[in-house]
Amino acid sequence: MKGKLKKVIIGFLVVIILIGSVFYLGLKNKLDEFSREVSKIEVNNIDSSKLSDGEYTGKYYFNEFVGATVKVTIENSKIIDIQMLDHKNGKGKKAEEILNSVINAQSLEVDTITGATGSSIMILKAIEDALN
């Protein structure tokens, strides 16, 4: 009886490991595909000197899981504030640090946040949308 129970438990563990491996590989392929697609997205810089004072709202959503909506405030042809209104980010929450980089640089030509590249690009595209 002990030997049979041991074989059943080992068989069960093997099945669990196989299912986990298939799930992991599928998820890894989806993430790799997402990374390839996001790397193709171009962020175009905006000449804020041509913008009127006011608040501008923009959004960019790659899919239902990743995207952003922002409100950009322009005063004296300068970006003085960017508020995150919505950010679907998976694990890319730290990408929101890019808002300060854009304000400091007065440009969308800033480095993305390491470990949150996809979310950084979504935020930059949302800002671009607001200022277009």
N, C-alpha and C. Protein backbone atom coordinates (compact mmCIF):
# COMPACT_ATOMS: atom_id res chain seq x y z
N MET A 1 0.81 -1.19 0.00
CA MET A 1 0.00 0.00 0.00
C MET A 1 0.86 1.26 0.00
N LYS A 2 1.94 1.28 0.82
CA LYS A 2 2.82 2.44 0.89
C LYS A 2 3.45 2.73 -0.46
N GLY A 3 3.92 1.72 -1.15
CA GLY A 3 4.56 1.88 -2.46
C GLY A 3 3.61 2.45 -3.49
N LYS A 4 2.35 1.99 -3.45
CA LYS A 4 1.34 2.47 -4.39
C LYS A 4 1.03 3.95 -4.14
N LEU A 5 0.90 4.32 -2.88
CA LEU A 5 0.63 5.71 -2.51
C LEU A 5 1.78 6.60 -2.94
N LYS A 6 2.99 6.13 -2.77
CA LYS A 6 4.18 6.89 -3.17
C LYS A 6 4.16 7.13 -4.67
N LYS A 7 3.80 6.11 -5.47
CA LYS A 7 3.73 6.24 -6.93
C LYS A 7 2.65 7.24 -7.33
N VAL A 8 1.52 7.20 -6.65
CA VAL A 8 0.43 8.14 -6.95
C VAL A 8 0.88 9.57 -6.67
N ILE A 9 1.53 9.78 -5.55
CA ILE A 9 2.00 11.13 -5.19
C ILE A 9 3.05 11.61 -6.19
N ILE A 10 3.96 10.76 -6.58
CA ILE A 10 4.99 11.12 -7.56
C ILE A 10 4.33 11.44 -8.91
N GLY A 11 3.38 10.61 -9.31
CA GLY A 11 2.66 10.87 -10.56
C GLY A 11 1.94 12.19 -10.53
N PHE A 12 1.28 12.48 -9.41
CA PHE A 12 0.58 13.74 -9.23
C PHE A 12 1.55 14.92 -9.33
N LEU A 13 2.69 14.82 -8.69
CA LEU A 13 3.69 15.90 -8.74
C LEU A 13 4.22 16.10 -10.15
N VAL A 14 4.43 15.02 -10.88
CA VAL A 14 4.90 15.12 -12.27
C VAL A 14 3.87 15.86 -13.11
N VAL A 15 2.59 15.52 -12.94
CA VAL A 15 1.53 16.20 -13.69
C VAL A 15 1.50 17.69 -13.35
N ILE A 16 1.60 18.02 -12.08
CA ILE A 16 1.61 19.43 -11.65
C ILE A 16 2.80 20.17 -12.27
N ILE A 17 3.95 19.55 -12.26
CA ILE A 17 5.15 20.17 -12.84
C ILE A 17 4.96 20.38 -14.34
N LEU A 18 4.39 19.42 -15.04
CA LEU A 18 4.15 19.55 -16.49
C LEU A 18 3.17 20.68 -16.78
N ILE A 19 2.08 20.72 -16.03
CA ILE A 19 1.10 21.79 -16.23
C ILE A 19 1.74 23.15 -15.95
N GLY A 20 2.50 23.25 -14.87
CA GLY A 20 3.18 24.51 -14.54
C GLY A 20 4.16 24.93 -15.63
N SER A 21 4.88 23.97 -16.19
CA SER A 21 5.84 24.27 -17.25
C SER A 21 5.15 24.80 -18.50
N VAL A 22 4.04 24.16 -18.88
CA VAL A 22 3.29 24.60 -20.05
C VAL A 22 2.76 26.01 -19.82
N PHE A 23 2.22 26.26 -18.64
CA PHE A 23 1.71 27.59 -18.30
C PHE A 23 2.82 28.63 -18.35
N TYR A 24 3.96 28.31 -17.76
CA TYR A 24 5.10 29.23 -17.73
C TYR A 24 5.57 29.56 -19.15
N LEU A 25 5.71 28.55 -20.00
CA LEU A 25 6.18 28.78 -21.37
C LEU A 25 5.18 29.63 -22.15
N GLY A 26 3.90 29.37 -21.96
CA GLY A 26 2.89 30.18 -22.63
C GLY A 26 2.94 31.63 -22.20
N LEU A 27 3.08 31.85 -20.91
CA LEU A 27 3.16 33.21 -20.37
C LEU A 27 4.44 33.90 -20.85
N LYS A 28 5.54 33.17 -20.85
CA LYS A 28 6.81 33.74 -21.32
C LYS A 28 6.70 34.14 -22.79
N ASN A 29 6.07 33.33 -23.61
CA ASN A 29 5.90 33.67 -25.02
C ASN A 29 5.05 34.92 -25.19
N LYS A 30 3.99 35.05 -24.39
CA LYS A 30 3.14 36.24 -24.46
C LYS A 30 3.93 37.49 -24.05
N LEU A 31 4.73 37.38 -22.98
CA LEU A 31 5.53 38.52 -22.54
C LEU A 31 6.58 38.90 -23.57
N ASP A 32 7.20 37.91 -24.19
CA ASP A 32 8.19 38.19 -25.23
C ASP A 32 7.54 38.87 -26.42
N GLU A 33 6.34 38.42 -26.80
CA GLU A 33 5.61 39.04 -27.91
C GLU A 33 5.24 40.48 -27.57
N PHE A 34 4.78 40.70 -26.34
CA PHE A 34 4.45 42.05 -25.89
C PHE A 34 5.68 42.95 -25.97
N SER A 35 6.82 42.46 -25.49
CA SER A 35 8.06 43.26 -25.52
C SER A 35 8.45 43.62 -26.95
N ARG A 36 8.32 42.66 -27.87
CA ARG A 36 8.66 42.94 -29.27
C ARG A 36 7.73 44.01 -29.85
N GLU A 37 6.45 43.89 -29.58
CA GLU A 37 5.49 44.86 -30.11
C GLU A 37 5.70 46.25 -29.51
N VAL A 38 5.92 46.32 -28.21
CA VAL A 38 6.12 47.61 -27.55
C VAL A 38 7.39 48.28 -28.06
N SER A 39 8.42 47.50 -28.35
CA SER A 39 9.68 48.08 -28.82
C SER A 39 9.51 48.75 -30.19
N LYS A 40 8.45 48.45 -30.89
CA LYS A 40 8.18 49.06 -32.21
C LYS A 40 7.46 50.40 -32.10
N ILE A 41 6.96 50.73 -30.92
CA ILE A 41 6.18 51.96 -30.74
C ILE A 41 7.12 53.15 -30.68
N GLU A 42 6.84 54.15 -31.51
CA GLU A 42 7.65 55.37 -31.54
C GLU A 42 6.99 56.46 -30.71
N VAL A 43 7.77 57.10 -29.88
CA VAL A 43 7.31 58.27 -29.13
C VAL A 43 7.88 59.49 -29.83
N ASN A 44 6.99 60.38 -30.25
CA ASN A 44 7.42 61.59 -30.95
C ASN A 44 7.43 62.77 -29.98
N ASN A 45 8.48 63.54 -30.04
CA ASN A 45 8.60 64.69 -29.15
C ASN A 45 7.60 65.77 -29.57
N ILE A 46 7.24 66.61 -28.64
CA ILE A 46 6.28 67.68 -28.86
C ILE A 46 6.97 69.02 -28.58
N ASP A 47 6.69 70.01 -29.43
CA ASP A 47 7.20 71.36 -29.20
C ASP A 47 6.20 72.10 -28.33
N SER A 48 6.43 72.11 -27.03
CA SER A 48 5.47 72.73 -26.11
C SER A 48 5.41 74.25 -26.26
N SER A 49 6.39 74.85 -26.92
CA SER A 49 6.37 76.31 -27.12
C SER A 49 5.19 76.73 -27.99
N LYS A 50 4.62 75.80 -28.72
CA LYS A 50 3.47 76.10 -29.59
C LYS A 50 2.14 75.83 -28.91
N LEU A 51 2.18 75.42 -27.64
CA LEU A 51 0.95 75.08 -26.95
C LEU A 51 0.41 76.26 -26.15
N SER A 52 -0.90 76.37 -26.13
CA SER A 52 -1.55 77.39 -25.31
C SER A 52 -1.63 76.90 -23.88
N ASP A 53 -1.68 77.84 -22.95
CA ASP A 53 -1.86 77.48 -21.56
C ASP A 53 -3.15 76.69 -21.38
N GLY A 54 -3.11 75.73 -20.47
CA GLY A 54 -4.32 74.96 -20.20
C GLY A 54 -3.98 73.54 -19.80
N GLU A 55 -5.03 72.76 -19.66
CA GLU A 55 -4.90 71.36 -19.30
C GLU A 55 -5.30 70.51 -20.50
N TYR A 56 -4.49 69.52 -20.75
CA TYR A 56 -4.69 68.63 -21.89
C TYR A 56 -4.74 67.19 -21.40
N THR A 57 -5.74 66.45 -21.84
CA THR A 57 -5.87 65.05 -21.44
C THR A 57 -5.54 64.17 -22.64
N GLY A 58 -4.79 63.11 -22.37
CA GLY A 58 -4.44 62.17 -23.43
C GLY A 58 -4.41 60.76 -22.89
N LYS A 59 -4.52 59.81 -23.81
CA LYS A 59 -4.49 58.41 -23.39
C LYS A 59 -3.83 57.57 -24.46
N TYR A 60 -3.29 56.46 -24.02
CA TYR A 60 -2.72 55.46 -24.93
C TYR A 60 -2.83 54.11 -24.26
N TYR A 61 -3.54 53.20 -24.92
CA TYR A 61 -3.71 51.85 -24.39
C TYR A 61 -3.27 50.85 -25.45
N PHE A 62 -2.29 50.06 -25.09
CA PHE A 62 -1.78 49.01 -25.98
C PHE A 62 -2.79 47.87 -26.06
N ASN A 63 -3.35 47.52 -24.91
CA ASN A 63 -4.39 46.50 -24.82
C ASN A 63 -5.15 46.74 -23.52
N GLU A 64 -6.00 45.82 -23.13
CA GLU A 64 -6.79 46.03 -21.92
C GLU A 64 -5.98 45.94 -20.63
N PHE A 65 -4.73 45.51 -20.73
CA PHE A 65 -3.90 45.31 -19.54
C PHE A 65 -2.84 46.39 -19.33
N VAL A 66 -2.48 47.10 -20.39
CA VAL A 66 -1.38 48.06 -20.30
C VAL A 66 -1.77 49.35 -21.04
N GLY A 67 -1.69 50.47 -20.34
CA GLY A 67 -2.00 51.76 -20.95
C GLY A 67 -2.08 52.84 -19.90
N ALA A 68 -2.31 54.06 -20.36
CA ALA A 68 -2.34 55.19 -19.42
C ALA A 68 -3.22 56.31 -19.94
N THR A 69 -3.78 57.07 -18.99
CA THR A 69 -4.47 58.32 -19.26
C THR A 69 -3.84 59.38 -18.36
N VAL A 70 -3.49 60.52 -18.95
CA VAL A 70 -2.82 61.58 -18.19
C VAL A 70 -3.48 62.92 -18.44
N LYS A 71 -3.24 63.85 -17.52
CA LYS A 71 -3.63 65.25 -17.70
C LYS A 71 -2.36 66.08 -17.58
N VAL A 72 -2.07 66.84 -18.63
CA VAL A 72 -0.86 67.65 -18.69
C VAL A 72 -1.26 69.12 -18.59
N THR A 73 -0.59 69.83 -17.69
CA THR A 73 -0.86 71.26 -17.51
C THR A 73 0.28 72.06 -18.13
N ILE A 74 -0.09 72.98 -19.02
CA ILE A 74 0.87 73.86 -19.70
C ILE A 74 0.66 75.28 -19.18
N GLU A 75 1.77 75.93 -18.82
CA GLU A 75 1.72 77.32 -18.39
C GLU A 75 2.95 78.02 -18.95
N ASN A 76 2.74 79.12 -19.63
CA ASN A 76 3.84 79.86 -20.27
C ASN A 76 4.66 78.94 -21.18
N SER A 77 3.96 78.13 -21.95
CA SER A 77 4.57 77.20 -22.91
C SER A 77 5.48 76.17 -22.27
N LYS A 78 5.26 75.88 -21.00
CA LYS A 78 6.05 74.87 -20.30
C LYS A 78 5.12 73.85 -19.66
N ILE A 79 5.61 72.62 -19.60
CA ILE A 79 4.88 71.57 -18.89
C ILE A 79 5.15 71.77 -17.41
N ILE A 80 4.12 72.13 -16.66
CA ILE A 80 4.34 72.38 -15.23
C ILE A 80 3.81 71.24 -14.36
N ASP A 81 2.93 70.40 -14.92
CA ASP A 81 2.39 69.30 -14.12
C ASP A 81 1.85 68.22 -15.05
N ILE A 82 2.01 66.98 -14.62
CA ILE A 82 1.40 65.85 -15.31
C ILE A 82 0.77 64.98 -14.24
N GLN A 83 -0.51 64.74 -14.37
CA GLN A 83 -1.21 63.89 -13.42
C GLN A 83 -1.59 62.58 -14.09
N MET A 84 -1.40 61.49 -13.39
CA MET A 84 -1.78 60.17 -13.86
C MET A 84 -3.25 59.97 -13.51
N LEU A 85 -4.12 59.90 -14.51
CA LEU A 85 -5.54 59.68 -14.25
C LEU A 85 -5.89 58.20 -14.22
N ASP A 86 -5.18 57.42 -15.03
CA ASP A 86 -5.39 55.97 -15.06
C ASP A 86 -4.10 55.33 -15.55
N HIS A 87 -3.74 54.22 -14.94
CA HIS A 87 -2.53 53.52 -15.37
C HIS A 87 -2.73 52.02 -15.18
N LYS A 88 -3.00 51.34 -16.26
CA LYS A 88 -3.05 49.88 -16.25
C LYS A 88 -1.63 49.44 -16.53
N ASN A 89 -1.01 48.74 -15.57
CA ASN A 89 0.42 48.61 -15.67
C ASN A 89 1.01 47.24 -15.35
N GLY A 90 0.21 46.26 -15.03
CA GLY A 90 0.83 45.00 -14.63
C GLY A 90 1.76 45.27 -13.47
N LYS A 91 3.05 45.05 -13.68
CA LYS A 91 4.04 45.31 -12.64
C LYS A 91 4.82 46.60 -12.92
N GLY A 92 4.29 47.46 -13.80
CA GLY A 92 5.02 48.66 -14.21
C GLY A 92 4.66 49.92 -13.47
N LYS A 93 4.17 49.80 -12.25
CA LYS A 93 3.77 50.98 -11.46
C LYS A 93 4.91 51.99 -11.33
N LYS A 94 6.14 51.49 -11.19
CA LYS A 94 7.26 52.42 -10.98
C LYS A 94 7.53 53.28 -12.21
N ALA A 95 6.91 52.97 -13.35
CA ALA A 95 7.08 53.78 -14.56
C ALA A 95 6.55 55.19 -14.36
N GLU A 96 5.67 55.37 -13.39
CA GLU A 96 5.10 56.70 -13.14
C GLU A 96 6.16 57.73 -12.76
N GLU A 97 7.35 57.25 -12.39
CA GLU A 97 8.47 58.16 -12.11
C GLU A 97 8.84 58.98 -13.34
N ILE A 98 8.46 58.49 -14.51
CA ILE A 98 8.83 59.17 -15.76
C ILE A 98 8.16 60.53 -15.89
N LEU A 99 7.07 60.75 -15.17
CA LEU A 99 6.39 62.05 -15.22
C LEU A 99 7.33 63.17 -14.83
N ASN A 100 8.08 62.98 -13.76
CA ASN A 100 9.04 64.00 -13.32
C ASN A 100 10.14 64.21 -14.34
N SER A 101 10.58 63.14 -14.98
CA SER A 101 11.63 63.26 -16.00
C SER A 101 11.15 64.12 -17.16
N VAL A 102 9.90 63.93 -17.58
CA VAL A 102 9.34 64.72 -18.68
C VAL A 102 9.25 66.19 -18.28
N ILE A 103 8.76 66.44 -17.08
CA ILE A 103 8.65 67.84 -16.62
C ILE A 103 10.03 68.48 -16.54
N ASN A 104 11.00 67.79 -15.96
CA ASN A 104 12.34 68.36 -15.83
C ASN A 104 13.00 68.59 -17.18
N ALA A 105 12.80 67.66 -18.11
CA ALA A 105 13.43 67.78 -19.44
C ALA A 105 12.62 68.64 -20.39
N GLN A 106 11.34 68.87 -20.06
CA GLN A 106 10.43 69.57 -20.98
C GLN A 106 10.45 68.89 -22.34
N SER A 107 10.48 67.57 -22.28
CA SER A 107 10.63 66.77 -23.50
C SER A 107 10.12 65.36 -23.25
N LEU A 108 9.70 64.70 -24.32
CA LEU A 108 9.35 63.28 -24.25
C LEU A 108 10.55 62.40 -24.55
N GLU A 109 11.66 63.03 -24.87
CA GLU A 109 12.89 62.29 -25.16
C GLU A 109 13.65 62.05 -23.86
N VAL A 110 13.09 61.18 -23.04
CA VAL A 110 13.70 60.82 -21.76
C VAL A 110 13.89 59.30 -21.72
N ASP A 111 14.77 58.86 -20.85
CA ASP A 111 14.98 57.42 -20.69
C ASP A 111 13.77 56.77 -20.05
N THR A 112 13.45 55.57 -20.52
CA THR A 112 12.38 54.81 -19.88
C THR A 112 12.87 54.29 -18.54
N ILE A 113 11.94 53.91 -17.69
CA ILE A 113 12.28 53.41 -16.36
C ILE A 113 12.66 51.93 -16.47
N THR A 114 13.84 51.60 -15.99
CA THR A 114 14.32 50.22 -16.05
C THR A 114 13.35 49.29 -15.32
N GLY A 115 13.00 48.21 -15.98
CA GLY A 115 12.08 47.24 -15.40
C GLY A 115 10.62 47.59 -15.65
N ALA A 116 10.38 48.74 -16.25
CA ALA A 116 9.01 49.17 -16.56
C ALA A 116 8.98 49.87 -17.91
N THR A 117 9.72 49.31 -18.86
CA THR A 117 9.85 49.94 -20.17
C THR A 117 8.50 50.07 -20.87
N GLY A 118 7.73 49.00 -20.88
CA GLY A 118 6.43 49.02 -21.56
C GLY A 118 5.51 50.08 -20.97
N SER A 119 5.40 50.11 -19.66
CA SER A 119 4.55 51.11 -19.00
C SER A 119 5.08 52.52 -19.24
N SER A 120 6.41 52.68 -19.26
CA SER A 120 7.01 54.00 -19.53
C SER A 120 6.58 54.50 -20.91
N ILE A 121 6.62 53.61 -21.88
CA ILE A 121 6.24 53.99 -23.24
C ILE A 121 4.76 54.34 -23.31
N MET A 122 3.91 53.59 -22.61
CA MET A 122 2.48 53.89 -22.59
C MET A 122 2.23 55.29 -22.02
N ILE A 123 2.94 55.63 -20.96
CA ILE A 123 2.78 56.95 -20.34
C ILE A 123 3.27 58.04 -21.29
N LEU A 124 4.43 57.84 -21.90
CA LEU A 124 4.94 58.83 -22.85
C LEU A 124 3.99 59.03 -24.03
N LYS A 125 3.41 57.93 -24.52
CA LYS A 125 2.46 58.03 -25.63
C LYS A 125 1.18 58.76 -25.19
N ALA A 126 0.76 58.57 -23.95
CA ALA A 126 -0.41 59.28 -23.44
C ALA A 126 -0.12 60.78 -23.35
N ILE A 127 1.08 61.13 -22.91
CA ILE A 127 1.47 62.56 -22.86
C ILE A 127 1.52 63.12 -24.27
N GLU A 128 2.11 62.36 -25.19
CA GLU A 128 2.15 62.79 -26.59
C GLU A 128 0.73 63.05 -27.12
N ASP A 129 -0.18 62.13 -26.82
CA ASP A 129 -1.57 62.28 -27.25
C ASP A 129 -2.19 63.55 -26.66
N ALA A 130 -1.92 63.81 -25.39
CA ALA A 130 -2.48 65.01 -24.75
C ALA A 130 -1.98 66.28 -25.42
N LEU A 131 -0.71 66.29 -25.79
CA LEU A 131 -0.12 67.52 -26.32
C LEU A 131 -0.29 67.67 -27.83
N ASN A 132 -0.78 66.65 -28.47
CA ASN A 132 -1.09 66.77 -29.91
C ASN A 132 -2.40 67.45 -30.02
